[in-house]
Amino acid sequence: MENIKSEPALCYKEIEPLTDKTNGPIFVRKKDTKEFFVKKCYPLYLEEHLLTLQKIKHAHLPKIQELIVQEGKLWLYEEFVQGKTLTEVIQTSERLETNQIITIAMSILEALGALHKKGLVHRDVKPGNIMMTNEGNVKLIDFDAVRAVDGGKENDTVQLGTMGFASPEQFGFAESDERSDLYSLGVVMNICSVQEYPKKYLTEDHALRGIIRKATKLEPAERYQSALEMHLALRQQLSRRIVAAKQSKPKAVTYENKPTKMSTTTRLITARWSTNKHVRQFVRIKNPLTEAVARFFRKYIPGFRTETIWKRAIAIVWYSILFIGIAGNVMDQPTGSLKMRELFDYLLIFGFPAVLFTNFLDYQRKLPLFSSENKLYHYLGYGVLFLFWLVFTKAGLELNSFIYQYFN
């Protein structure tokens, strides 16, 4: 390996460790050029992959200055990226805008495309390994889990990755490849959108939901097959959003061109228009309690988890009728025990199917029949759920009746 030096790195001055970990990254400065770099220790078996990585020059990957073997350890000196990790950005933001999530994902896909072209897989795409630089750039960092795609193995020799973000094949089910990185990026996008893993709660954002669902399929063959394919899907969504934003723009201009005819209310509203790069939107003064309640409804309550107005209208009417009817019948009961019995019966008959058939917390995605793309399997799944509801409800009603009679 002619590009790996075997002498001590005397031309670098160590400034301070960046973490408390043993052999963790160290902030260093090159003595002759005064440039800052990050010094990292890697296992020797990664030297070939890191040499390949050093040859890749890409705007969304850190520049590797040099590799040095010292006292049996492989040290990598790479560009010092100033900024925040995506984890820090998410923690300090209530939510990222859809266009921003798409732009970040497209940047990471361009970096992954450069790696995949050289036969490398990152295997640890997560918010902590994505840097948002002070200049507004996005960089994919940390290559501790990088490996070359073999194509002939049943699984990875070394199983690495971060729980929650790593694809199923990274835990011994198959050999990881380019599609494994796309799976992880899909999880990252969902975290950016709703701060939750897609298997627990898939975002309702129409521009992101389908792309994330496809990227995080359990079977690699059902995912996007390349970074380019996923990049094109995201670019199409971004283009649609930009066109939609431009079509809605004249309404804002109409207000702005007639300042003398504006009422006080209109002037206040117009003053709150933001100047976002892609989309003009109202900047609303948010009440924390109201926002918390709204997020709860959008995440958990069937009928409100979609932005479709008619579904929400039906949900409001249905819940109102249900609440009034149940509350009236329960309160009509003469004793507390009868009230509890009546309430439990109603929950079994009406509440339980609402949870079961409206895909509460996206649980159906974990069931074999519903995870299939075949619509016939979906119908069979609903049939099984219906039978389960009948059996469970009958058993619950009988148990409730027995408990009431036993204690009364």
Protein backbone atom coordinates (compact mmCIF):
# COMPACT_ATOMS: atom_id res chain seq x y z
CA MET A 1 0.00 0.00 0.00
CA GLU A 2 2.20 2.82 -1.28
CA ASN A 3 -0.09 5.59 0.01
CA ILE A 4 0.16 4.43 3.63
CA LYS A 5 3.08 5.83 5.56
CA SER A 6 4.73 3.74 8.28
CA GLU A 7 6.60 6.52 10.10
CA PRO A 8 5.24 8.54 13.09
CA ALA A 9 3.02 11.47 12.22
CA LEU A 10 5.49 14.15 13.35
CA CYS A 11 4.02 16.80 11.09
CA TYR A 12 0.77 16.95 13.11
CA LYS A 13 0.24 18.55 16.51
CA GLU A 14 -2.47 17.01 18.67
CA ILE A 15 -4.76 19.65 20.21
CA GLU A 16 -7.47 17.75 22.09
CA PRO A 17 -9.59 14.57 21.99
CA LEU A 18 -13.06 15.07 20.54
CA THR A 19 -14.62 12.31 22.69
CA ASP A 20 -13.86 10.40 25.90
CA LYS A 21 -13.48 7.08 24.07
CA THR A 22 -10.18 5.20 23.97
CA ASN A 23 -8.59 5.68 20.53
CA GLY A 24 -11.38 8.13 19.78
CA PRO A 25 -11.05 10.98 17.25
CA ILE A 26 -8.46 13.66 18.04
CA PHE A 27 -8.45 17.26 16.86
CA VAL A 28 -5.04 17.95 15.26
CA ARG A 29 -3.26 20.70 13.33
CA LYS A 30 -0.74 20.25 10.55
CA LYS A 31 2.42 22.12 11.47
CA ASP A 32 3.45 23.39 8.04
CA THR A 33 0.06 24.46 6.58
CA LYS A 34 -1.71 25.24 9.91
CA GLU A 35 -4.75 23.28 8.63
CA PHE A 36 -7.00 21.46 11.07
CA PHE A 37 -7.79 17.75 10.70
CA VAL A 38 -9.37 14.91 12.65
CA LYS A 39 -7.17 11.95 13.52
CA LYS A 40 -9.00 8.61 13.82
CA CYS A 41 -7.87 5.09 14.61
CA TYR A 42 -9.10 2.25 12.40
CA PRO A 43 -8.44 -1.52 12.42
CA LEU A 44 -5.73 -2.60 10.01
CA TYR A 45 -8.12 -4.84 8.05
CA LEU A 46 -9.84 -1.70 6.73
CA GLU A 47 -6.69 -0.28 5.10
CA GLU A 48 -7.64 -1.36 1.57
CA HIS A 49 -11.14 0.11 1.89
CA LEU A 50 -9.81 3.37 3.35
CA LEU A 51 -7.28 3.67 0.53
CA THR A 52 -10.15 3.33 -1.95
CA LEU A 53 -12.06 5.92 0.02
CA GLN A 54 -9.10 8.30 -0.05
CA LYS A 55 -9.27 8.37 -3.83
CA ILE A 56 -12.90 9.53 -3.82
CA LYS A 57 -13.19 13.30 -4.02
CA HIS A 58 -16.77 14.33 -3.34
CA ALA A 59 -18.51 17.41 -1.94
CA HIS A 60 -20.60 15.35 0.47
CA LEU A 61 -17.72 13.23 1.83
CA PRO A 62 -14.87 14.45 4.05
CA LYS A 63 -11.47 14.68 2.34
CA ILE A 64 -8.99 12.08 3.60
CA GLN A 65 -5.60 13.75 3.88
CA GLU A 66 -3.47 10.68 4.55
CA LEU A 67 -3.18 7.27 6.23
CA ILE A 68 -0.36 6.41 8.63
CA VAL A 69 0.55 3.10 10.30
CA GLN A 70 2.05 3.73 13.71
CA GLU A 71 2.77 1.13 16.41
CA GLY A 72 0.57 -1.44 14.73
CA LYS A 73 -2.38 0.93 14.39
CA LEU A 74 -3.88 2.54 11.31
CA TRP A 75 -4.44 6.27 11.72
CA LEU A 76 -6.55 8.27 9.29
CA TYR A 77 -6.27 12.05 8.98
CA GLU A 78 -9.37 13.57 7.46
CA GLU A 79 -10.90 16.98 6.89
CA PHE A 80 -12.22 18.69 10.03
CA VAL A 81 -15.89 19.39 9.33
CA GLN A 82 -17.25 22.37 11.27
CA GLY A 83 -20.94 22.29 12.03
CA LYS A 84 -23.55 20.16 13.80
CA THR A 85 -24.56 16.55 13.42
CA LEU A 86 -28.07 15.90 12.12
CA THR A 87 -28.84 14.47 15.57
CA GLU A 88 -28.12 17.86 17.12
CA VAL A 89 -30.19 19.63 14.47
CA ILE A 90 -33.18 17.32 15.11
CA GLN A 91 -32.93 17.76 18.88
CA THR A 92 -32.99 21.55 18.60
CA SER A 93 -35.81 21.67 16.02
CA GLU A 94 -39.45 20.72 16.53
CA ARG A 95 -39.43 19.27 13.02
CA LEU A 96 -37.53 19.71 9.78
CA GLU A 97 -39.34 21.04 6.73
CA THR A 98 -40.13 18.50 4.02
CA ASN A 99 -37.99 20.25 1.39
CA GLN A 100 -35.05 20.31 3.79
CA ILE A 101 -35.40 16.58 4.51
CA ILE A 102 -35.50 15.83 0.78
CA THR A 103 -32.44 18.01 0.13
CA ILE A 104 -30.45 16.35 2.93
CA ALA A 105 -31.41 12.87 1.70
CA MET A 106 -30.43 13.72 -1.89
CA SER A 107 -27.01 14.93 -0.69
CA ILE A 108 -26.43 11.72 1.25
CA LEU A 109 -27.53 9.66 -1.76
CA GLU A 110 -24.94 11.46 -3.89
CA ALA A 111 -22.27 10.56 -1.31
CA LEU A 112 -23.49 6.96 -1.15
CA GLY A 113 -23.54 6.78 -4.94
CA ALA A 114 -19.83 7.72 -4.97
CA LEU A 115 -19.08 4.99 -2.41
CA HIS A 116 -21.20 2.36 -4.14
CA LYS A 117 -19.54 3.10 -7.47
CA LYS A 118 -16.25 1.99 -5.88
CA GLY A 119 -17.85 -1.13 -4.43
CA LEU A 120 -18.05 0.18 -0.85
CA VAL A 121 -21.01 0.15 1.54
CA HIS A 122 -21.11 2.59 4.47
CA ARG A 123 -23.32 0.41 6.73
CA ASP A 124 -23.79 3.05 9.44
CA VAL A 125 -25.94 5.81 7.94
CA LYS A 126 -27.57 7.58 10.89
CA PRO A 127 -28.14 11.18 12.05
CA GLY A 128 -25.00 11.11 14.18
CA ASN A 129 -22.90 10.38 11.08
CA ILE A 130 -24.39 13.18 9.00
CA MET A 131 -22.83 16.62 9.39
CA MET A 132 -24.57 19.90 8.60
CA THR A 133 -21.67 22.28 7.99
CA ASN A 134 -21.59 25.96 8.89
CA GLU A 135 -21.57 26.71 5.14
CA GLY A 136 -24.84 24.82 4.61
CA ASN A 137 -23.32 21.69 3.10
CA VAL A 138 -24.14 18.09 4.06
CA LYS A 139 -21.42 15.49 4.63
CA LEU A 140 -21.55 11.78 5.41
CA ILE A 141 -18.82 10.92 7.93
CA ASP A 142 -17.38 7.98 9.95
CA PHE A 143 -16.33 4.84 8.10
CA ASP A 144 -15.83 2.38 10.96
CA ALA A 145 -18.34 -0.05 9.46
CA VAL A 146 -17.40 0.33 5.78
CA ARG A 147 -17.03 -2.86 3.75
CA ALA A 148 -16.66 -3.95 0.16
CA VAL A 149 -19.56 -5.73 -1.54
CA ASP A 150 -18.64 -9.32 -2.30
CA GLY A 151 -21.89 -10.59 -3.80
CA GLY A 152 -21.17 -14.23 -3.05
CA LYS A 153 -21.54 -14.42 0.74
CA GLU A 154 -24.51 -15.56 2.78
CA ASN A 155 -23.91 -12.80 5.36
CA ASP A 156 -21.37 -10.19 6.46
CA THR A 157 -18.14 -11.48 7.99
CA VAL A 158 -18.21 -8.65 10.54
CA GLN A 159 -21.71 -7.62 11.59
CA LEU A 160 -21.75 -3.90 12.33
CA GLY A 161 -24.34 -1.15 12.35
CA THR A 162 -26.54 0.83 14.71
CA MET A 163 -29.69 -0.79 16.08
CA GLY A 164 -32.79 0.86 14.63
CA PHE A 165 -30.96 2.19 11.57
CA ALA A 166 -29.14 -0.93 10.35
CA SER A 167 -30.94 -3.06 7.75
CA PRO A 168 -32.11 -6.60 8.66
CA GLU A 169 -29.35 -8.20 6.58
CA GLN A 170 -26.70 -6.49 8.70
CA PHE A 171 -27.64 -8.75 11.60
CA GLY A 172 -26.71 -11.97 9.86
CA PHE A 173 -29.71 -12.58 7.59
CA ALA A 174 -27.85 -11.86 4.34
CA GLU A 175 -24.90 -9.99 2.90
CA SER A 176 -25.26 -6.21 3.06
CA ASP A 177 -24.99 -4.20 -0.14
CA GLU A 178 -25.99 -0.80 -1.57
CA ARG A 179 -29.63 -1.36 -0.63
CA SER A 180 -28.64 -1.66 3.04
CA ASP A 181 -27.49 1.97 3.04
CA LEU A 182 -30.76 3.02 1.36
CA TYR A 183 -32.71 1.25 4.14
CA SER A 184 -30.80 3.23 6.78
CA LEU A 185 -31.36 6.50 4.93
CA GLY A 186 -35.11 5.79 4.82
CA VAL A 187 -35.08 5.44 8.62
CA VAL A 188 -33.12 8.71 8.92
CA MET A 189 -35.72 10.52 6.79
CA ASN A 190 -38.55 9.27 9.01
CA ILE A 191 -36.66 10.37 12.13
CA CYS A 192 -36.25 13.83 10.57
CA SER A 193 -39.97 14.00 9.81
CA VAL A 194 -41.62 12.63 12.98
CA GLN A 195 -38.69 11.75 15.29
CA GLU A 196 -39.72 8.10 15.30
CA TYR A 197 -38.60 4.86 13.62
CA PRO A 198 -40.81 3.96 10.63
CA LYS A 199 -41.62 0.52 12.07
CA LYS A 200 -43.23 2.30 15.05
CA TYR A 201 -44.80 5.25 13.27
CA LEU A 202 -44.47 6.00 9.57
CA THR A 203 -44.69 9.68 8.65
CA GLU A 204 -47.96 10.93 7.17
CA ASP A 205 -46.11 13.41 4.92
CA HIS A 206 -47.33 12.58 1.41
CA ALA A 207 -44.04 13.61 -0.21
CA LEU A 208 -41.99 11.31 2.04
CA ARG A 209 -44.23 8.43 3.13
CA GLY A 210 -44.10 6.32 -0.06
CA ILE A 211 -40.36 6.79 -0.52
CA ILE A 212 -39.58 5.88 3.10
CA ARG A 213 -41.89 2.85 2.96
CA LYS A 214 -40.16 1.50 -0.16
CA ALA A 215 -36.65 2.23 1.13
CA THR A 216 -37.30 0.35 4.40
CA LYS A 217 -38.86 -2.81 3.01
CA LEU A 218 -37.65 -5.93 4.80
CA GLU A 219 -36.72 -7.63 1.54
CA PRO A 220 -33.84 -5.86 -0.27
CA ALA A 221 -35.36 -6.80 -3.65
CA GLU A 222 -38.44 -4.68 -2.81
CA ARG A 223 -36.42 -1.54 -2.00
CA TYR A 224 -34.85 0.99 -4.32
CA GLN A 225 -32.09 -0.87 -6.10
CA SER A 226 -29.60 2.00 -6.32
CA ALA A 227 -28.84 5.40 -4.85
CA LEU A 228 -29.60 6.92 -8.25
CA GLU A 229 -33.10 5.40 -8.36
CA MET A 230 -33.96 6.75 -4.91
CA HIS A 231 -32.39 10.11 -5.78
CA LEU A 232 -34.62 10.42 -8.86
CA ALA A 233 -37.73 9.62 -6.79
CA LEU A 234 -36.83 12.37 -4.31
CA ARG A 235 -36.00 14.84 -7.07
CA GLN A 236 -39.43 14.28 -8.63
CA GLN A 237 -41.12 14.97 -5.31
CA LEU A 238 -39.07 18.14 -4.80
CA SER A 239 -39.90 19.33 -8.32
CA ARG A 240 -43.62 18.81 -7.70
CA ARG A 241 -43.43 20.80 -4.48
CA ILE A 242 -41.55 23.66 -6.15
CA VAL A 243 -44.11 23.81 -8.97
CA ALA A 244 -46.98 23.76 -6.46
CA ALA A 245 -45.32 26.55 -4.49
CA LYS A 246 -44.91 28.68 -7.63
CA GLN A 247 -48.56 28.16 -8.56
CA SER A 248 -49.66 29.41 -5.14
CA LYS A 249 -47.26 32.36 -5.21
CA PRO A 250 -49.47 34.83 -7.20
CA LYS A 251 -51.99 34.97 -4.35
CA ALA A 252 -49.29 36.31 -2.05
CA VAL A 253 -48.17 38.80 -4.71
CA THR A 254 -51.75 40.07 -5.10
CA TYR A 255 -51.79 41.04 -1.45
CA GLU A 256 -48.34 42.60 -1.59
CA ASN A 257 -49.10 44.73 -4.67
CA LYS A 258 -52.08 46.45 -3.02
CA PRO A 259 -50.78 47.74 0.33
CA THR A 260 -53.12 50.75 0.38
CA LYS A 261 -56.25 48.57 0.28
CA MET A 262 -55.21 46.20 3.03
CA SER A 263 -57.08 46.06 6.29
CA THR A 264 -55.15 45.94 9.56
CA THR A 265 -55.72 42.18 9.81
CA THR A 266 -54.51 41.58 6.25
CA ARG A 267 -51.35 43.63 6.89
CA LEU A 268 -50.59 41.58 9.99
CA ILE A 269 -51.06 38.34 8.08
CA THR A 270 -49.00 39.50 5.10
CA ALA A 271 -46.20 40.57 7.43
CA ARG A 272 -45.88 36.97 8.58
CA TRP A 273 -45.07 35.52 5.18
CA SER A 274 -41.73 33.69 5.33
CA THR A 275 -39.19 33.84 2.51
CA ASN A 276 -38.28 30.16 2.37
CA LYS A 277 -36.09 29.15 -0.58
CA HIS A 278 -38.67 26.73 -1.99
CA VAL A 279 -42.03 27.37 -0.37
CA ARG A 280 -43.80 30.45 0.96
CA GLN A 281 -45.81 29.65 4.01
CA PHE A 282 -47.34 31.31 7.07
CA VAL A 283 -45.19 31.50 10.18
CA ARG A 284 -47.74 30.86 12.87
CA ILE A 285 -47.33 31.74 16.53
CA LYS A 286 -47.55 28.31 18.15
CA ASN A 287 -49.06 27.39 21.48
CA PRO A 288 -47.05 24.48 22.99
CA LEU A 289 -50.13 22.80 24.49
CA THR A 290 -52.12 23.11 21.25
CA GLU A 291 -49.21 21.76 19.22
CA ALA A 292 -48.78 18.81 21.62
CA VAL A 293 -52.48 17.90 21.35
CA ALA A 294 -52.37 18.26 17.55
CA ARG A 295 -49.30 15.99 17.32
CA PHE A 296 -51.04 13.39 19.53
CA PHE A 297 -54.12 13.35 17.29
CA ARG A 298 -52.05 13.19 14.07
CA LYS A 299 -49.97 10.33 15.45
CA TYR A 300 -52.47 8.16 17.34
CA ILE A 301 -56.14 8.93 16.59
CA PRO A 302 -57.66 7.17 13.54
CA GLY A 303 -59.17 9.64 11.09
CA PHE A 304 -56.79 12.43 12.08
CA ARG A 305 -53.58 10.73 10.95
CA THR A 306 -54.16 11.94 7.41
CA GLU A 307 -54.42 15.43 5.95
CA THR A 308 -57.56 14.49 4.00
CA ILE A 309 -60.31 16.88 5.11
CA TRP A 310 -63.28 14.60 4.44
CA LYS A 311 -61.74 11.80 6.54
CA ARG A 312 -61.21 14.17 9.44
CA ALA A 313 -64.78 15.47 9.10
CA ILE A 314 -66.18 11.91 9.20
CA ALA A 315 -63.95 11.14 12.20
CA ILE A 316 -65.26 14.17 14.12
CA VAL A 317 -68.89 13.19 13.46
CA TRP A 318 -68.27 9.51 14.28
CA TYR A 319 -66.41 10.21 17.54
CA SER A 320 -69.03 12.74 18.61
CA ILE A 321 -71.91 10.28 18.08
CA LEU A 322 -69.92 7.47 19.72
CA PHE A 323 -68.99 9.54 22.76
CA ILE A 324 -72.50 10.94 23.29
CA GLY A 325 -74.11 7.52 22.83
CA ILE A 326 -71.71 5.64 25.11
CA ALA A 327 -71.64 8.36 27.76
CA GLY A 328 -75.45 8.52 27.82
CA ASN A 329 -75.93 4.76 28.18
CA VAL A 330 -73.18 4.38 30.76
CA MET A 331 -74.46 7.23 32.93
CA ASP A 332 -78.00 5.80 32.82
CA GLN A 333 -76.85 2.72 34.77
CA PRO A 334 -77.93 2.84 38.44
CA THR A 335 -74.71 1.53 40.04
CA GLY A 336 -70.99 2.04 39.60
CA SER A 337 -70.36 -1.64 38.81
CA LEU A 338 -73.00 -1.59 36.08
CA LYS A 339 -71.45 1.58 34.67
CA MET A 340 -68.05 -0.15 34.48
CA ARG A 341 -69.58 -3.26 32.89
CA GLU A 342 -71.43 -1.19 30.29
CA LEU A 343 -68.32 0.88 29.48
CA PHE A 344 -66.17 -2.22 29.02
CA ASP A 345 -68.78 -3.78 26.72
CA TYR A 346 -68.89 -0.67 24.54
CA LEU A 347 -65.12 -0.49 24.34
CA LEU A 348 -65.01 -4.10 23.14
CA ILE A 349 -67.78 -3.61 20.58
CA PHE A 350 -66.80 -0.17 19.24
CA GLY A 351 -63.40 0.89 20.57
CA PHE A 352 -61.46 -2.32 19.89
CA PRO A 353 -62.40 -2.55 16.17
CA ALA A 354 -61.49 1.14 15.75
CA VAL A 355 -57.97 0.26 16.87
CA LEU A 356 -57.91 -3.04 14.98
CA PHE A 357 -59.14 -1.92 11.56
CA THR A 358 -57.60 1.55 11.34
CA ASN A 359 -54.00 0.35 11.57
CA PHE A 360 -53.30 1.97 14.95
CA LEU A 361 -49.56 2.85 15.27
CA ASP A 362 -49.04 1.25 11.86
CA TYR A 363 -49.05 -2.22 13.49
CA GLN A 364 -50.30 -3.92 10.31
CA ARG A 365 -46.91 -3.31 8.69
CA LYS A 366 -45.49 -5.98 11.02
CA LEU A 367 -48.02 -8.63 9.95
CA PRO A 368 -47.12 -10.97 7.05
CA LEU A 369 -50.38 -10.59 5.11
CA PHE A 370 -50.35 -6.77 5.26
CA SER A 371 -46.63 -6.36 4.51
CA SER A 372 -47.16 -8.01 1.12
CA GLU A 373 -47.71 -5.88 -1.99
CA ASN A 374 -50.45 -8.29 -3.14
CA LYS A 375 -53.90 -6.76 -2.49
CA LEU A 376 -55.46 -10.22 -2.14
CA TYR A 377 -53.32 -10.84 0.93
CA HIS A 378 -54.55 -7.55 2.39
CA TYR A 379 -58.17 -8.67 2.01
CA LEU A 380 -57.33 -12.01 3.65
CA GLY A 381 -55.66 -10.06 6.44
CA TYR A 382 -58.80 -8.05 7.09
CA GLY A 383 -60.79 -11.27 7.09
CA VAL A 384 -58.50 -12.73 9.76
CA LEU A 385 -58.78 -9.53 11.81
CA PHE A 386 -62.58 -9.67 11.58
CA LEU A 387 -62.65 -13.26 12.86
CA PHE A 388 -60.22 -12.33 15.63
CA TRP A 389 -62.44 -9.41 16.64
CA LEU A 390 -65.55 -11.63 16.78
CA VAL A 391 -63.84 -14.31 18.90
CA PHE A 392 -62.06 -11.85 21.18
CA THR A 393 -65.15 -9.68 21.69
CA LYS A 394 -67.39 -12.68 22.45
CA ALA A 395 -64.88 -13.99 24.99
CA GLY A 396 -64.48 -10.53 26.52
CA LEU A 397 -68.22 -9.97 26.88
CA GLU A 398 -68.66 -13.36 28.55
CA LEU A 399 -65.75 -12.70 30.89
CA ASN A 400 -67.11 -9.28 31.78
CA SER A 401 -70.56 -10.78 32.52
CA PHE A 402 -68.99 -13.52 34.67
CA ILE A 403 -66.93 -11.01 36.70
CA TYR A 404 -69.98 -8.82 37.29
CA GLN A 405 -72.12 -11.76 38.48
CA TYR A 406 -69.30 -13.10 40.66
CA PHE A 407 -68.78 -9.85 42.52
CA ASN A 408 -72.47 -8.96 42.72
